[in-house]
Amino acid sequence: MSFGSNYSAGVYSPLRAQALAVLALAYVGLLTASAETRVIAAVDFSGRWVFVSAAPVRPGYEQFWLGTEATITQTPSTLSIRRLTPLPQRDARFALGGDETQNEYVVNGQRLIRNSRATWNGNSLLISTDTALPDGQTYLSNILRWSLDADGMLVIGDTEICGRGECPSVLTTVKFRKAD
């Protein structure tokens, strides 16, 4: 056995162990990044969507961002919605990596700021939104769960949070079909 060699079989080397650990972590990181990319690319909500139904039926209910007809554009990192009907037209943009995005509207003469976070949970997109009122009060206003069913319908579970918990929240399941 030569002691002048840089490599000795069976001898522990802290530097070699550290290098192997770094390589293993890098490999796991690449696998994780690839898996996340596949999940993001697995569902594409792009297209023009038309309202089909809402359950339970609630007089006067409309999905804030989609209304009864909307166009959705999706990239690997963003989801953009343009509500076409009913008026007023509304535009919204969401970052798909969980970063907060801000969309601003005037509703019934009142300025609303909606801060949202969109994250993937398997093939479902979760969008949680805080609404800021003109007086500065902010509250969690709703959580949306987007998915495509077996027939290609866009299904959105819209949980509207009632105030600060003083009344029950309301879950409405809204369905849209892709327009030709």
Protein backbone atom coordinates (compact mmCIF):
# COMPACT_ATOMS: atom_id res chain seq x y z
CA MET A 1 0.00 0.00 0.00
CA SER A 2 1.34 3.40 -0.94
CA PHE A 3 0.77 6.34 1.41
CA GLY A 4 1.61 8.86 -1.31
CA SER A 5 -1.60 8.06 -3.22
CA ASN A 6 -4.59 10.42 -3.01
CA TYR A 7 -7.01 7.50 -2.87
CA SER A 8 -7.00 4.59 -0.49
CA ALA A 9 -9.75 1.99 -0.70
CA GLY A 10 -11.64 1.57 2.54
CA VAL A 11 -10.20 4.67 4.23
CA TYR A 12 -12.71 7.32 5.38
CA SER A 13 -12.13 10.79 4.01
CA PRO A 14 -14.25 13.66 5.42
CA LEU A 15 -13.73 15.66 2.23
CA ARG A 16 -14.85 12.76 0.02
CA ALA A 17 -17.89 12.11 2.27
CA GLN A 18 -18.86 15.78 2.09
CA ALA A 19 -18.50 15.82 -1.70
CA LEU A 20 -20.69 12.72 -2.03
CA ALA A 21 -23.33 14.24 0.26
CA VAL A 22 -23.40 17.43 -1.83
CA LEU A 23 -23.75 15.39 -5.04
CA ALA A 24 -26.57 13.31 -3.53
CA LEU A 25 -28.45 16.45 -2.42
CA ALA A 26 -27.98 18.03 -5.85
CA TYR A 27 -29.39 14.89 -7.49
CA VAL A 28 -32.42 14.87 -5.15
CA GLY A 29 -32.93 18.59 -5.87
CA LEU A 30 -32.92 17.95 -9.62
CA LEU A 31 -35.45 15.13 -9.23
CA THR A 32 -37.69 17.35 -7.09
CA ALA A 33 -37.47 20.24 -9.55
CA SER A 34 -38.31 17.89 -12.42
CA ALA A 35 -41.30 16.47 -10.54
CA GLU A 36 -42.59 19.98 -9.74
CA THR A 37 -42.24 20.98 -13.39
CA ARG A 38 -44.22 17.91 -14.44
CA VAL A 39 -47.00 18.71 -11.97
CA ILE A 40 -47.25 22.30 -13.19
CA ALA A 41 -47.34 21.17 -16.83
CA ALA A 42 -49.81 18.32 -16.09
CA VAL A 43 -52.89 20.57 -16.03
CA ASP A 44 -53.43 23.46 -18.41
CA PHE A 45 -56.53 25.56 -17.80
CA SER A 46 -55.99 27.72 -20.91
CA GLY A 47 -59.00 28.41 -23.11
CA ARG A 48 -62.35 30.14 -23.21
CA TRP A 49 -64.69 28.80 -20.53
CA VAL A 50 -68.49 29.13 -20.26
CA PHE A 51 -70.51 28.71 -17.05
CA VAL A 52 -72.57 25.50 -16.79
CA SER A 53 -73.74 25.19 -13.18
CA ALA A 54 -73.27 26.15 -9.55
CA ALA A 55 -74.26 23.95 -6.62
CA PRO A 56 -75.89 24.75 -4.37
CA VAL A 57 -77.95 27.18 -6.42
CA ARG A 58 -77.54 30.64 -4.90
CA PRO A 59 -79.56 33.54 -6.33
CA GLY A 60 -77.24 36.35 -7.40
CA TYR A 61 -74.06 34.26 -7.06
CA GLU A 62 -71.31 34.73 -9.63
CA GLN A 63 -67.74 33.58 -9.48
CA PHE A 64 -65.84 36.88 -9.02
CA TRP A 65 -63.06 36.31 -11.57
CA LEU A 66 -64.80 34.08 -14.11
CA GLY A 67 -68.41 35.33 -14.14
CA THR A 68 -70.33 33.39 -16.80
CA GLU A 69 -67.64 33.47 -19.50
CA ALA A 70 -63.89 33.97 -19.23
CA THR A 71 -60.65 33.46 -21.11
CA ILE A 72 -57.78 31.84 -19.24
CA THR A 73 -54.15 31.94 -20.34
CA GLN A 74 -51.60 29.78 -18.53
CA THR A 75 -47.82 29.64 -18.73
CA PRO A 76 -45.55 27.51 -16.54
CA SER A 77 -45.34 30.39 -14.05
CA THR A 78 -48.58 32.41 -14.37
CA LEU A 79 -52.33 32.11 -14.75
CA SER A 80 -54.22 35.05 -16.26
CA ILE A 81 -58.01 35.40 -16.34
CA ARG A 82 -60.09 37.83 -18.36
CA ARG A 83 -63.74 37.80 -17.29
CA LEU A 84 -65.84 38.56 -20.37
CA THR A 85 -69.40 38.39 -19.02
CA PRO A 86 -71.19 39.71 -17.15
CA LEU A 87 -69.81 43.21 -17.23
CA PRO A 88 -67.67 44.70 -15.85
CA GLN A 89 -64.80 42.93 -17.50
CA ARG A 90 -62.19 41.90 -14.91
CA ASP A 91 -58.59 40.88 -15.37
CA ALA A 92 -56.57 38.90 -12.84
CA ARG A 93 -53.08 37.47 -12.79
CA PHE A 94 -51.66 34.85 -10.43
CA ALA A 95 -48.12 33.57 -9.91
CA LEU A 96 -48.21 29.75 -9.91
CA GLY A 97 -45.24 29.33 -7.60
CA GLY A 98 -46.99 30.56 -4.45
CA ASP A 99 -45.77 34.17 -4.61
CA GLU A 100 -48.37 36.75 -3.65
CA THR A 101 -50.01 38.68 -6.47
CA GLN A 102 -52.19 41.75 -6.18
CA ASN A 103 -55.27 42.50 -8.27
CA GLU A 104 -57.21 45.73 -7.79
CA TYR A 105 -60.88 46.39 -8.63
CA VAL A 106 -63.69 48.86 -8.09
CA VAL A 107 -66.87 47.06 -7.03
CA ASN A 108 -70.04 49.05 -6.32
CA GLY A 109 -67.93 52.21 -6.22
CA GLN A 110 -65.63 50.73 -3.58
CA ARG A 111 -61.92 50.03 -4.18
CA LEU A 112 -60.96 46.41 -3.39
CA ILE A 113 -57.44 45.02 -3.34
CA ARG A 114 -57.22 41.24 -3.57
CA ASN A 115 -53.92 39.60 -2.62
CA SER A 116 -53.72 35.97 -3.74
CA ARG A 117 -51.38 33.01 -3.53
CA ALA A 118 -51.68 30.14 -6.03
CA THR A 119 -50.10 26.76 -5.33
CA TRP A 120 -50.37 23.29 -6.82
CA ASN A 121 -51.67 20.32 -4.86
CA GLY A 122 -51.22 17.44 -7.30
CA ASN A 123 -53.42 18.25 -10.30
CA SER A 124 -55.44 20.85 -8.39
CA LEU A 125 -54.64 24.54 -8.25
CA LEU A 126 -55.38 26.23 -4.92
CA ILE A 127 -55.85 30.01 -4.88
CA SER A 128 -56.30 31.68 -1.49
CA THR A 129 -57.24 35.34 -1.46
CA ASP A 130 -57.18 38.10 1.14
CA THR A 131 -59.33 41.15 0.41
CA ALA A 132 -58.31 44.60 1.64
CA LEU A 133 -61.09 47.15 2.08
CA PRO A 134 -60.67 50.94 1.72
CA ASP A 135 -60.57 51.32 5.52
CA GLY A 136 -57.48 49.08 5.63
CA GLN A 137 -59.18 45.99 7.05
CA THR A 138 -57.94 42.79 5.46
CA TYR A 139 -59.59 39.38 5.68
CA LEU A 140 -59.30 35.95 4.05
CA SER A 141 -62.19 36.18 1.62
CA ASN A 142 -62.07 32.93 -0.31
CA ILE A 143 -60.19 29.79 -1.28
CA LEU A 144 -60.58 28.34 -4.76
CA ARG A 145 -59.73 24.75 -5.72
CA TRP A 146 -59.43 24.36 -9.52
CA SER A 147 -59.37 21.00 -11.29
CA LEU A 148 -60.46 19.34 -14.52
CA ASP A 149 -62.92 16.47 -14.25
CA ALA A 150 -62.93 13.32 -16.42
CA ASP A 151 -65.10 15.10 -19.03
CA GLY A 152 -62.69 18.06 -19.31
CA MET A 153 -64.96 20.41 -17.36
CA LEU A 154 -63.31 23.07 -15.23
CA VAL A 155 -64.53 22.47 -11.68
CA ILE A 156 -63.94 25.18 -9.09
CA GLY A 157 -64.69 24.69 -5.42
CA ASP A 158 -65.25 28.26 -4.23
CA THR A 159 -65.13 28.52 -0.44
CA GLU A 160 -66.27 31.99 0.57
CA ILE A 161 -65.06 32.83 4.05
CA CYS A 162 -67.69 34.66 6.07
CA GLY A 163 -66.19 37.60 7.91
CA ARG A 164 -63.92 36.59 10.75
CA GLY A 165 -65.68 33.33 11.56
CA GLU A 166 -68.85 34.80 13.04
CA CYS A 167 -70.95 32.98 10.43
CA PRO A 168 -70.51 29.78 8.42
CA SER A 169 -68.40 29.80 5.28
CA VAL A 170 -70.12 28.79 2.05
CA LEU A 171 -68.77 26.23 -0.45
CA THR A 172 -70.08 26.50 -3.99
CA THR A 173 -69.01 24.07 -6.70
CA VAL A 174 -68.93 25.86 -10.03
CA LYS A 175 -68.56 24.10 -13.40
CA PHE A 176 -67.47 25.54 -16.73
CA ARG A 177 -67.23 23.89 -20.12
CA LYS A 178 -64.60 24.75 -22.69
CA ALA A 179 -66.06 26.79 -25.56
CA ASP A 180 -65.25 25.74 -29.09
